[in-house]
PDB file of all heavy atoms in Angstrom:
ATOM      1  N   ASN A   1      87.612 113.778  90.515  1.00  0.00           N
ATOM      2  CA  ASN A   1      86.297 113.300  90.714  1.00  0.00           C
ATOM      3  C   ASN A   1      86.234 111.794  91.303  1.00  0.00           C
ATOM      4  O   ASN A   1      85.210 111.302  91.647  1.00  0.00           O
ATOM      5  CB  ASN A   1      85.340 113.382  89.447  1.00  0.00           C
ATOM      6  CG  ASN A   1      85.136 114.820  89.126  1.00  0.00           C
ATOM      7  OD1 ASN A   1      84.776 115.620  89.936  1.00  0.00           O
ATOM      8  ND2 ASN A   1      85.264 115.175  87.845  1.00  0.00           N
ATOM      9  N   LEU A   2      87.362 111.179  91.244  1.00  0.00           N
ATOM     10  CA  LEU A   2      87.480 109.783  91.714  1.00  0.00           C
ATOM     11  C   LEU A   2      87.345 109.764  93.273  1.00  0.00           C
ATOM     12  O   LEU A   2      87.575 110.748  93.925  1.00  0.00           O
ATOM     13  CB  LEU A   2      88.790 109.147  91.285  1.00  0.00           C
ATOM     14  CG  LEU A   2      88.911 109.013  89.759  1.00  0.00           C
ATOM     15  CD1 LEU A   2      90.339 108.532  89.438  1.00  0.00           C
ATOM     16  CD2 LEU A   2      87.926 107.847  89.368  1.00  0.00           C
ATOM     17  N   PRO A   3      87.025 108.579  93.864  1.00  0.00           N
ATOM     18  CA  PRO A   3      86.863 108.518  95.281  1.00  0.00           C
ATOM     19  C   PRO A   3      88.173 108.933  95.972  1.00  0.00           C
ATOM     20  O   PRO A   3      89.278 108.817  95.465  1.00  0.00           O
ATOM     21  CB  PRO A   3      86.561 107.031  95.514  1.00  0.00           C
ATOM     22  CG  PRO A   3      86.031 106.536  94.240  1.00  0.00           C
ATOM     23  CD  PRO A   3      86.666 107.349  93.111  1.00  0.00           C
ATOM     24  N   ALA A   4      88.050 109.339  97.273  1.00  0.00           N
ATOM     25  CA  ALA A   4      89.181 109.765  98.051  1.00  0.00           C
ATOM     26  C   ALA A   4      90.199 108.624  98.229  1.00  0.00           C
ATOM     27  O   ALA A   4      91.406 108.851  98.468  1.00  0.00           O
ATOM     28  CB  ALA A   4      88.687 110.265  99.430  1.00  0.00           C
ATOM     29  N   SER A   5      89.731 107.371  98.103  1.00  0.00           N
ATOM     30  CA  SER A   5      90.671 106.276  98.309  1.00  0.00           C
ATOM     31  C   SER A   5      91.632 106.124  97.132  1.00  0.00           C
ATOM     32  O   SER A   5      92.685 105.395  97.268  1.00  0.00           O
ATOM     33  CB  SER A   5      89.868 104.970  98.460  1.00  0.00           C
ATOM     34  OG  SER A   5      89.058 104.784  97.310  1.00  0.00           O
ATOM     35  N   TYR A   6      91.364 106.745  95.998  1.00  0.00           N
ATOM     36  CA  TYR A   6      92.195 106.652  94.848  1.00  0.00           C
ATOM     37  C   TYR A   6      93.344 107.544  94.972  1.00  0.00           C
ATOM     38  O   TYR A   6      93.254 108.767  95.216  1.00  0.00           O
ATOM     39  CB  TYR A   6      91.385 107.051  93.558  1.00  0.00           C
ATOM     40  CG  TYR A   6      92.296 106.901  92.277  1.00  0.00           C
ATOM     41  CD1 TYR A   6      92.314 105.747  91.642  1.00  0.00           C
ATOM     42  CD2 TYR A   6      92.922 107.965  91.811  1.00  0.00           C
ATOM     43  CE1 TYR A   6      93.088 105.626  90.417  1.00  0.00           C
ATOM     44  CE2 TYR A   6      93.721 107.822  90.594  1.00  0.00           C
ATOM     45  CZ  TYR A   6      93.792 106.667  89.931  1.00  0.00           C
ATOM     46  OH  TYR A   6      94.509 106.539  88.857  1.00  0.00           O
ATOM     47  N   LYS A   7      94.568 106.965  94.868  1.00  0.00           N
ATOM     48  CA  LYS A   7      95.763 107.796  95.065  1.00  0.00           C
ATOM     49  C   LYS A   7      96.433 108.158  93.712  1.00  0.00           C
ATOM     50  O   LYS A   7      96.395 107.390  92.748  1.00  0.00           O
ATOM     51  CB  LYS A   7      96.844 106.939  95.857  1.00  0.00           C
ATOM     52  CG  LYS A   7      96.365 106.420  97.145  1.00  0.00           C
ATOM     53  CD  LYS A   7      95.882 107.571  98.097  1.00  0.00           C
ATOM     54  CE  LYS A   7      95.461 106.925  99.453  1.00  0.00           C
ATOM     55  NZ  LYS A   7      94.881 108.048 100.358  1.00  0.00           N
ATOM     56  N   SER A   8      96.919 109.388  93.620  1.00  0.00           N
ATOM     57  CA  SER A   8      97.576 109.804  92.464  1.00  0.00           C
ATOM     58  C   SER A   8      98.765 108.914  92.058  1.00  0.00           C
ATOM     59  O   SER A   8      99.591 108.579  92.928  1.00  0.00           O
ATOM     60  CB  SER A   8      98.125 111.282  92.691  1.00  0.00           C
ATOM     61  OG  SER A   8      99.124 111.535  91.745  1.00  0.00           O
ATOM     62  N   ARG A   9      98.781 108.455  90.861  1.00  0.00           N
ATOM     63  CA  ARG A   9      99.866 107.541  90.352  1.00  0.00           C
ATOM     64  C   ARG A   9     101.198 108.301  90.334  1.00  0.00           C
ATOM     65  O   ARG A   9     102.184 107.725  90.615  1.00  0.00           O
ATOM     66  CB  ARG A   9      99.506 106.984  89.063  1.00  0.00           C
ATOM     67  CG  ARG A   9      98.333 106.060  88.972  1.00  0.00           C
ATOM     68  CD  ARG A   9      98.553 104.853  89.840  1.00  0.00           C
ATOM     69  NE  ARG A   9      97.358 103.957  89.923  1.00  0.00           N
ATOM     70  CZ  ARG A   9      96.501 103.829  90.929  1.00  0.00           C
ATOM     71  NH1 ARG A   9      96.575 104.773  91.916  1.00  0.00           N
ATOM     72  NH2 ARG A   9      95.535 102.968  90.867  1.00  0.00           N
ATOM     73  N   ASN A  10     101.109 109.627  90.074  1.00  0.00           N
ATOM     74  CA  ASN A  10     102.343 110.391  90.108  1.00  0.00           C
ATOM     75  C   ASN A  10     102.955 110.455  91.527  1.00  0.00           C
ATOM     76  O   ASN A  10     104.165 110.242  91.715  1.00  0.00           O
ATOM     77  CB  ASN A  10     102.075 111.862  89.625  1.00  0.00           C
ATOM     78  CG  ASN A  10     101.524 111.880  88.231  1.00  0.00           C
ATOM     79  OD1 ASN A  10     102.211 111.492  87.342  1.00  0.00           O
ATOM     80  ND2 ASN A  10     100.299 112.298  88.022  1.00  0.00           N
ATOM     81  N   ASN A  11     102.040 110.664  92.459  1.00  0.00           N
ATOM     82  CA  ASN A  11     102.500 110.741  93.880  1.00  0.00           C
ATOM     83  C   ASN A  11     102.935 109.410  94.423  1.00  0.00           C
ATOM     84  O   ASN A  11     103.945 109.318  95.137  1.00  0.00           O
ATOM     85  CB  ASN A  11     101.314 111.288  94.741  1.00  0.00           C
ATOM     86  CG  ASN A  11     101.773 111.803  96.063  1.00  0.00           C
ATOM     87  OD1 ASN A  11     102.938 112.286  96.189  1.00  0.00           O
ATOM     88  ND2 ASN A  11     100.923 111.766  97.102  1.00  0.00           N
ATOM     89  N   LEU A  12     102.341 108.347  94.002  1.00  0.00           N
ATOM     90  CA  LEU A  12     102.695 106.952  94.391  1.00  0.00           C
ATOM     91  C   LEU A  12     104.103 106.659  93.883  1.00  0.00           C
ATOM     92  O   LEU A  12     104.935 106.069  94.600  1.00  0.00           O
ATOM     93  CB  LEU A  12     101.751 105.948  93.940  1.00  0.00           C
ATOM     94  CG  LEU A  12     100.452 105.773  94.716  1.00  0.00           C
ATOM     95  CD1 LEU A  12      99.432 104.801  93.995  1.00  0.00           C
ATOM     96  CD2 LEU A  12     100.727 105.354  96.156  1.00  0.00           C
ATOM     97  N   LEU A  13     104.462 107.000  92.682  1.00  0.00           N
ATOM     98  CA  LEU A  13     105.767 106.800  92.138  1.00  0.00           C
ATOM     99  C   LEU A  13     106.795 107.565  92.957  1.00  0.00           C
ATOM    100  O   LEU A  13     107.835 106.950  93.306  1.00  0.00           O
ATOM    101  CB  LEU A  13     105.870 107.211  90.746  1.00  0.00           C
ATOM    102  CG  LEU A  13     105.357 106.244  89.635  1.00  0.00           C
ATOM    103  CD1 LEU A  13     105.400 106.923  88.214  1.00  0.00           C
ATOM    104  CD2 LEU A  13     106.299 105.052  89.566  1.00  0.00           C
ATOM    105  N   ARG A  14     106.534 108.798  93.278  1.00  0.00           N
ATOM    106  CA  ARG A  14     107.569 109.605  94.030  1.00  0.00           C
ATOM    107  C   ARG A  14     107.774 109.031  95.438  1.00  0.00           C
ATOM    108  O   ARG A  14     108.890 108.989  95.916  1.00  0.00           O
ATOM    109  CB  ARG A  14     107.084 111.070  93.983  1.00  0.00           C
ATOM    110  CG  ARG A  14     107.007 111.672  92.665  1.00  0.00           C
ATOM    111  CD  ARG A  14     106.927 113.168  92.727  1.00  0.00           C
ATOM    112  NE  ARG A  14     105.595 113.651  93.191  1.00  0.00           N
ATOM    113  CZ  ARG A  14     104.538 113.867  92.492  1.00  0.00           C
ATOM    114  NH1 ARG A  14     104.596 113.681  91.152  1.00  0.00           N
ATOM    115  NH2 ARG A  14     103.437 114.418  93.066  1.00  0.00           N
ATOM    116  N   THR A  15     106.622 108.637  96.139  1.00  0.00           N
ATOM    117  CA  THR A  15     106.803 108.198  97.416  1.00  0.00           C
ATOM    118  C   THR A  15     107.357 106.752  97.564  1.00  0.00           C
ATOM    119  O   THR A  15     108.121 106.485  98.461  1.00  0.00           O
ATOM    120  CB  THR A  15     105.471 108.348  98.254  1.00  0.00           C
ATOM    121  OG1 THR A  15     104.424 107.631  97.460  1.00  0.00           O
ATOM    122  CG2 THR A  15     105.075 109.840  98.328  1.00  0.00           C
ATOM    123  N   THR A  16     106.780 105.908  96.686  1.00  0.00           N
ATOM    124  CA  THR A  16     107.210 104.506  96.665  1.00  0.00           C
ATOM    125  C   THR A  16     108.711 104.378  96.410  1.00  0.00           C
ATOM    126  O   THR A  16     109.490 103.608  97.014  1.00  0.00           O
ATOM    127  CB  THR A  16     106.449 103.707  95.696  1.00  0.00           C
ATOM    128  OG1 THR A  16     105.059 103.803  95.985  1.00  0.00           O
ATOM    129  CG2 THR A  16     106.884 102.183  95.725  1.00  0.00           C
ATOM    130  N   LEU A  17     109.185 105.215  95.518  1.00  0.00           N
ATOM    131  CA  LEU A  17     110.698 105.150  95.131  1.00  0.00           C
ATOM    132  C   LEU A  17     111.508 106.140  95.960  1.00  0.00           C
ATOM    133  O   LEU A  17     112.717 106.225  95.767  1.00  0.00           O
ATOM    134  CB  LEU A  17     110.827 105.403  93.648  1.00  0.00           C
ATOM    135  CG  LEU A  17     110.196 104.368  92.692  1.00  0.00           C
ATOM    136  CD1 LEU A  17     110.240 104.907  91.230  1.00  0.00           C
ATOM    137  CD2 LEU A  17     110.806 102.990  92.918  1.00  0.00           C
ATOM    138  N   ASP A  18     110.866 106.830  96.808  1.00  0.00           N
ATOM    139  CA  ASP A  18     111.479 107.929  97.698  1.00  0.00           C
ATOM    140  C   ASP A  18     112.333 108.862  96.827  1.00  0.00           C
ATOM    141  O   ASP A  18     113.475 109.089  97.119  1.00  0.00           O
ATOM    142  CB  ASP A  18     112.405 107.248  98.735  1.00  0.00           C
ATOM    143  CG  ASP A  18     112.770 108.167  99.832  1.00  0.00           C
ATOM    144  OD1 ASP A  18     112.000 109.145 100.120  1.00  0.00           O
ATOM    145  OD2 ASP A  18     113.834 107.971 100.513  1.00  0.00           O
ATOM    146  N   LEU A  19     111.640 109.429  95.825  1.00  0.00           N
ATOM    147  CA  LEU A  19     112.254 110.481  94.926  1.00  0.00           C
ATOM    148  C   LEU A  19     112.006 111.799  95.657  1.00  0.00           C
ATOM    149  O   LEU A  19     111.161 112.538  95.259  1.00  0.00           O
ATOM    150  CB  LEU A  19     111.608 110.333  93.544  1.00  0.00           C
ATOM    151  CG  LEU A  19     111.812 109.025  92.817  1.00  0.00           C
ATOM    152  CD1 LEU A  19     110.922 109.071  91.547  1.00  0.00           C
ATOM    153  CD2 LEU A  19     113.176 108.757  92.503  1.00  0.00           C
ATOM    154  N   TYR A  20     112.829 112.046  96.546  1.00  0.00           N
ATOM    155  CA  TYR A  20     112.558 113.173  97.500  1.00  0.00           C
ATOM    156  C   TYR A  20     112.862 114.493  96.992  1.00  0.00           C
ATOM    157  O   TYR A  20     112.389 115.522  97.439  1.00  0.00           O
ATOM    158  CB  TYR A  20     113.259 112.926  98.812  1.00  0.00           C
ATOM    159  CG  TYR A  20     114.765 112.923  98.783  1.00  0.00           C
ATOM    160  CD1 TYR A  20     115.481 114.119  98.800  1.00  0.00           C
ATOM    161  CD2 TYR A  20     115.429 111.678  98.647  1.00  0.00           C
ATOM    162  CE1 TYR A  20     116.863 114.103  98.753  1.00  0.00           C
ATOM    163  CE2 TYR A  20     116.883 111.660  98.535  1.00  0.00           C
ATOM    164  CZ  TYR A  20     117.536 112.875  98.621  1.00  0.00           C
ATOM    165  OH  TYR A  20     118.911 112.870  98.595  1.00  0.00           O
ATOM    166  N   ALA A  21     113.643 114.634  95.955  1.00  0.00           N
ATOM    167  CA  ALA A  21     114.139 115.932  95.421  1.00  0.00           C
ATOM    168  C   ALA A  21     113.542 116.163  93.999  1.00  0.00           C
ATOM    169  O   ALA A  21     114.000 115.439  93.121  1.00  0.00           O
ATOM    170  CB  ALA A  21     115.576 116.104  95.462  1.00  0.00           C
ATOM    171  N   ASN A  22     112.687 117.055  93.860  1.00  0.00           N
ATOM    172  CA  ASN A  22     112.236 117.487  92.593  1.00  0.00           C
ATOM    173  C   ASN A  22     113.012 118.758  92.177  1.00  0.00           C
ATOM    174  O   ASN A  22     113.108 119.765  92.928  1.00  0.00           O
ATOM    175  CB  ASN A  22     110.739 117.832  92.536  1.00  0.00           C
ATOM    176  CG  ASN A  22     110.247 118.386  91.163  1.00  0.00           C
ATOM    177  OD1 ASN A  22     109.922 119.523  91.058  1.00  0.00           O
ATOM    178  ND2 ASN A  22     110.307 117.490  90.171  1.00  0.00           N
ATOM    179  N   VAL A  23     113.685 118.685  91.033  1.00  0.00           N
ATOM    180  CA  VAL A  23     114.649 119.789  90.606  1.00  0.00           C
ATOM    181  C   VAL A  23     114.109 120.314  89.264  1.00  0.00           C
ATOM    182  O   VAL A  23     113.881 119.583  88.310  1.00  0.00           O
ATOM    183  CB  VAL A  23     116.053 119.286  90.537  1.00  0.00           C
ATOM    184  CG1 VAL A  23     116.946 120.372  90.083  1.00  0.00           C
ATOM    185  CG2 VAL A  23     116.526 118.652  91.771  1.00  0.00           C
ATOM    186  N   MET A  24     114.019 121.605  89.181  1.00  0.00           N
ATOM    187  CA  MET A  24     113.571 122.259  87.927  1.00  0.00           C
ATOM    188  C   MET A  24     114.434 123.502  87.644  1.00  0.00           C
ATOM    189  O   MET A  24     114.533 124.336  88.646  1.00  0.00           O
ATOM    190  CB  MET A  24     112.075 122.639  87.967  1.00  0.00           C
ATOM    191  CG  MET A  24     111.442 123.057  86.755  1.00  0.00           C
ATOM    192  SD  MET A  24     109.619 123.076  86.915  1.00  0.00           S
ATOM    193  CE  MET A  24     109.355 124.735  86.448  1.00  0.00           C
ATOM    194  N   HIS A  25     114.975 123.637  86.585  1.00  0.00           N
ATOM    195  CA  HIS A  25     115.801 124.783  86.169  1.00  0.00           C
ATOM    196  C   HIS A  25     115.096 125.612  85.190  1.00  0.00           C
ATOM    197  O   HIS A  25     114.778 125.189  84.120  1.00  0.00           O
ATOM    198  CB  HIS A  25     117.124 124.238  85.555  1.00  0.00           C
ATOM    199  CG  HIS A  25     118.122 125.332  85.281  1.00  0.00           C
ATOM    200  ND1 HIS A  25     119.330 125.137  84.590  1.00  0.00           N
ATOM    201  CD2 HIS A  25     118.142 126.654  85.655  1.00  0.00           C
ATOM    202  CE1 HIS A  25     119.936 126.275  84.409  1.00  0.00           C
ATOM    203  NE2 HIS A  25     119.278 127.197  85.120  1.00  0.00           N
ATOM    204  N   CYS A  26     114.729 126.847  85.644  1.00  0.00           N
ATOM    205  CA  CYS A  26     114.061 127.743  84.780  1.00  0.00           C
ATOM    206  C   CYS A  26     114.927 128.882  84.283  1.00  0.00           C
ATOM    207  O   CYS A  26     115.440 129.596  85.115  1.00  0.00           O
ATOM    208  CB  CYS A  26     112.803 128.352  85.483  1.00  0.00           C
ATOM    209  SG  CYS A  26     111.486 127.201  85.769  1.00  0.00           S
ATOM    210  N   GLN A  27     115.101 129.005  83.010  1.00  0.00           N
ATOM    211  CA  GLN A  27     115.918 130.088  82.462  1.00  0.00           C
ATOM    212  C   GLN A  27     115.368 130.592  81.168  1.00  0.00           C
ATOM    213  O   GLN A  27     114.823 129.804  80.408  1.00  0.00           O
ATOM    214  CB  GLN A  27     117.388 129.654  82.316  1.00  0.00           C
ATOM    215  CG  GLN A  27     117.627 128.486  81.413  1.00  0.00           C
ATOM    216  CD  GLN A  27     119.102 128.082  81.361  1.00  0.00           C
ATOM    217  OE1 GLN A  27     119.352 126.952  81.203  1.00  0.00           O
ATOM    218  NE2 GLN A  27     119.959 129.091  81.520  1.00  0.00           N
ATOM    219  N   THR A  28     115.472 131.878  80.950  1.00  0.00           N
ATOM    220  CA  THR A  28     115.042 132.464  79.698  1.00  0.00           C
ATOM    221  C   THR A  28     115.927 132.041  78.563  1.00  0.00           C
ATOM    222  O   THR A  28     117.144 131.828  78.704  1.00  0.00           O
ATOM    223  CB  THR A  28     114.970 134.033  79.798  1.00  0.00           C
ATOM    224  OG1 THR A  28     116.160 134.442  80.417  1.00  0.00           O
ATOM    225  CG2 THR A  28     113.748 134.415  80.567  1.00  0.00           C
ATOM    226  N   LEU A  29     115.307 131.850  77.383  1.00  0.00           N
ATOM    227  CA  LEU A  29     116.066 131.403  76.178  1.00  0.00           C
ATOM    228  C   LEU A  29     116.009 132.484  75.133  1.00  0.00           C
ATOM    229  O   LEU A  29     114.953 133.106  74.874  1.00  0.00           O
ATOM    230  CB  LEU A  29     115.433 130.142  75.582  1.00  0.00           C
ATOM    231  CG  LEU A  29     115.443 128.883  76.499  1.00  0.00           C
ATOM    232  CD1 LEU A  29     114.667 127.760  75.857  1.00  0.00           C
ATOM    233  CD2 LEU A  29     116.911 128.503  76.892  1.00  0.00           C
ATOM    234  N   PRO A  30     117.101 132.732  74.454  1.00  0.00           N
ATOM    235  CA  PRO A  30     117.057 133.677  73.263  1.00  0.00           C
ATOM    236  C   PRO A  30     116.067 133.143  72.231  1.00  0.00           C
ATOM    237  O   PRO A  30     115.996 131.955  72.041  1.00  0.00           O
ATOM    238  CB  PRO A  30     118.536 133.654  72.756  1.00  0.00           C
ATOM    239  CG  PRO A  30     119.335 133.084  73.889  1.00  0.00           C
ATOM    240  CD  PRO A  30     118.473 132.148  74.643  1.00  0.00           C
ATOM    241  N   GLY A  31     115.329 134.060  71.659  1.00  0.00           N
ATOM    242  CA  GLY A  31     114.379 133.625  70.741  1.00  0.00           C
ATOM    243  C   GLY A  31     112.987 133.346  71.170  1.00  0.00           C
ATOM    244  O   GLY A  31     112.035 133.103  70.401  1.00  0.00           O
ATOM    245  N   VAL A  32     112.828 133.251  72.516  1.00  0.00           N
ATOM    246  CA  VAL A  32     111.486 133.053  73.158  1.00  0.00           C
ATOM    247  C   VAL A  32     111.123 134.320  73.825  1.00  0.00           C
ATOM    248  O   VAL A  32     111.763 134.824  74.781  1.00  0.00           O
ATOM    249  CB  VAL A  32     111.622 131.919  74.131  1.00  0.00           C
ATOM    250  CG1 VAL A  32     110.187 131.772  74.807  1.00  0.00           C
ATOM    251  CG2 VAL A  32     111.922 130.588  73.426  1.00  0.00           C
ATOM    252  N   ARG A  33     110.037 134.930  73.382  1.00  0.00           N
ATOM    253  CA  ARG A  33     109.533 136.241  73.937  1.00  0.00           C
ATOM    254  C   ARG A  33     108.894 136.010  75.284  1.00  0.00           C
ATOM    255  O   ARG A  33     108.039 135.171  75.460  1.00  0.00           O
ATOM    256  CB  ARG A  33     108.516 136.844  72.965  1.00  0.00           C
ATOM    257  CG  ARG A  33     109.067 137.245  71.621  1.00  0.00           C
ATOM    258  CD  ARG A  33     108.058 138.028  70.847  1.00  0.00           C
ATOM    259  NE  ARG A  33     107.630 139.210  71.477  1.00  0.00           N
ATOM    260  CZ  ARG A  33     106.605 140.030  71.030  1.00  0.00           C
ATOM    261  NH1 ARG A  33     105.971 139.700  69.945  1.00  0.00           N
ATOM    262  NH2 ARG A  33     106.274 141.090  71.756  1.00  0.00           N
ATOM    263  N   THR A  34     109.413 136.737  76.226  1.00  0.00           N
ATOM    264  CA  THR A  34     108.880 136.690  77.683  1.00  0.00           C
ATOM    265  C   THR A  34     108.904 138.132  78.173  1.00  0.00           C
ATOM    266  O   THR A  34     109.564 138.910  77.712  1.00  0.00           O
ATOM    267  CB  THR A  34     109.832 135.816  78.521  1.00  0.00           C
ATOM    268  OG1 THR A  34     111.173 136.174  78.524  1.00  0.00           O
ATOM    269  CG2 THR A  34     109.667 134.339  78.138  1.00  0.00           C
ATOM    270  N   ARG A  35     108.127 138.260  79.197  1.00  0.00           N
ATOM    271  CA  ARG A  35     108.028 139.559  79.814  1.00  0.00           C
ATOM    272  C   ARG A  35     109.292 139.936  80.508  1.00  0.00           C
ATOM    273  O   ARG A  35     109.744 141.122  80.551  1.00  0.00           O
ATOM    274  CB  ARG A  35     106.862 139.637  80.889  1.00  0.00           C
ATOM    275  CG  ARG A  35     106.645 140.933  81.562  1.00  0.00           C
ATOM    276  CD  ARG A  35     105.502 140.846  82.485  1.00  0.00           C
ATOM    277  NE  ARG A  35     104.252 140.577  81.817  1.00  0.00           N
ATOM    278  CZ  ARG A  35     103.463 141.495  81.260  1.00  0.00           C
ATOM    279  NH1 ARG A  35     103.782 142.854  81.261  1.00  0.00           N
ATOM    280  NH2 ARG A  35     102.375 141.171  80.624  1.00  0.00           N
ATOM    281  N   HIS A  36     110.035 139.011  81.128  1.00  0.00           N
ATOM    282  CA  HIS A  36     111.212 139.253  81.815  1.00  0.00           C
ATOM    283  C   HIS A  36     112.437 138.537  81.167  1.00  0.00           C
ATOM    284  O   HIS A  36     112.258 137.503  80.528  1.00  0.00           O
ATOM    285  CB  HIS A  36     111.144 138.709  83.330  1.00  0.00           C
ATOM    286  CG  HIS A  36     110.168 139.371  84.178  1.00  0.00           C
ATOM    287  ND1 HIS A  36     110.307 140.562  84.722  1.00  0.00           N
ATOM    288  CD2 HIS A  36     108.906 138.979  84.532  1.00  0.00           C
ATOM    289  CE1 HIS A  36     109.289 140.930  85.378  1.00  0.00           C
ATOM    290  NE2 HIS A  36     108.401 140.007  85.310  1.00  0.00           N
ATOM    291  N   ARG A  37     113.606 139.184  81.275  1.00  0.00           N
ATOM    292  CA  ARG A  37     114.828 138.554  80.680  1.00  0.00           C
ATOM    293  C   ARG A  37     115.716 138.125  81.819  1.00  0.00           C
ATOM    294  O   ARG A  37     115.590 138.577  82.955  1.00  0.00           O
ATOM    295  CB  ARG A  37     115.561 139.457  79.744  1.00  0.00           C
ATOM    296  CG  ARG A  37     114.623 140.060  78.606  1.00  0.00           C
ATOM    297  CD  ARG A  37     114.023 138.938  77.753  1.00  0.00           C
ATOM    298  NE  ARG A  37     115.126 138.147  77.112  1.00  0.00           N
ATOM    299  CZ  ARG A  37     114.919 136.949  76.476  1.00  0.00           C
ATOM    300  NH1 ARG A  37     113.667 136.510  76.476  1.00  0.00           N
ATOM    301  NH2 ARG A  37     115.927 136.349  76.010  1.00  0.00           N
ATOM    302  N   ASN A  38     116.775 137.380  81.502  1.00  0.00           N
ATOM    303  CA  ASN A  38     117.883 137.066  82.379  1.00  0.00           C
ATOM    304  C   ASN A  38     117.440 136.302  83.618  1.00  0.00           C
ATOM    305  O   ASN A  38     117.867 136.571  84.713  1.00  0.00           O
ATOM    306  CB  ASN A  38     118.641 138.289  82.762  1.00  0.00           C
ATOM    307  CG  ASN A  38     119.180 139.059  81.594  1.00  0.00           C
ATOM    308  OD1 ASN A  38     119.748 138.355  80.634  1.00  0.00           O
ATOM    309  ND2 ASN A  38     119.095 140.335  81.542  1.00  0.00           N
ATOM    310  N   ILE A  39     116.434 135.396  83.450  1.00  0.00           N
ATOM    311  CA  ILE A  39     115.984 134.568  84.499  1.00  0.00           C
ATOM    312  C   ILE A  39     116.812 133.289  84.526  1.00  0.00           C
ATOM    313  O   ILE A  39     116.995 132.624  83.499  1.00  0.00           O
ATOM    314  CB  ILE A  39     114.485 134.244  84.419  1.00  0.00           C
ATOM    315  CG1 ILE A  39     113.633 135.505  84.420  1.00  0.00           C
ATOM    316  CG2 ILE A  39     114.040 133.211  85.495  1.00  0.00           C
ATOM    317  CD1 ILE A  39     112.180 135.214  84.127  1.00  0.00           C
ATOM    318  N   ASP A  40     117.303 132.881  85.674  1.00  0.00           N
ATOM    319  CA  ASP A  40     118.049 131.702  85.808  1.00  0.00           C
ATOM    320  C   ASP A  40     117.894 131.169  87.321  1.00  0.00           C
ATOM    321  O   ASP A  40     118.640 131.492  88.218  1.00  0.00           O
ATOM    322  CB  ASP A  40     119.546 131.953  85.556  1.00  0.00           C
ATOM    323  CG  ASP A  40     120.384 130.676  85.483  1.00  0.00           C
ATOM    324  OD1 ASP A  40     119.839 129.575  85.756  1.00  0.00           O
ATOM    325  OD2 ASP A  40     121.662 130.812  85.293  1.00  0.00           O
ATOM    326  N   ILE A  41     116.850 130.353  87.473  1.00  0.00           N
ATOM    327  CA  ILE A  41     116.422 130.042  88.837  1.00  0.00           C
ATOM    328  C   ILE A  41     116.360 128.421  88.859  1.00  0.00           C
ATOM    329  O   ILE A  41     115.837 127.788  88.063  1.00  0.00           O
ATOM    330  CB  ILE A  41     115.051 130.480  89.184  1.00  0.00           C
ATOM    331  CG1 ILE A  41     114.926 131.978  89.038  1.00  0.00           C
ATOM    332  CG2 ILE A  41     114.595 130.040  90.533  1.00  0.00           C
ATOM    333  CD1 ILE A  41     113.535 132.566  89.191  1.00  0.00           C
ATOM    334  N   MET A  42     116.982 127.895  89.930  1.00  0.00           N
ATOM    335  CA  MET A  42     116.895 126.476  90.314  1.00  0.00           C
ATOM    336  C   MET A  42     115.881 126.281  91.383  1.00  0.00           C
ATOM    337  O   MET A  42     116.003 126.944  92.467  1.00  0.00           O
ATOM    338  CB  MET A  42     118.263 125.897  90.704  1.00  0.00           C
ATOM    339  CG  MET A  42     119.369 125.987  89.691  1.00  0.00           C
ATOM    340  SD  MET A  42     119.111 124.861  88.297  1.00  0.00           S
ATOM    341  CE  MET A  42     119.102 123.255  89.125  1.00  0.00           C
TER     342      MET A  42
END
């Protein structure tokens, strides 16, 4: 709801520091109930 001129602080950090690669590793864990098993995605 802030004015369009207000920039996301998260986005400013990533662009100002040129943090160009966001990496997330998603894998199922034993003991955590999920619909799917054996997920291992980067």
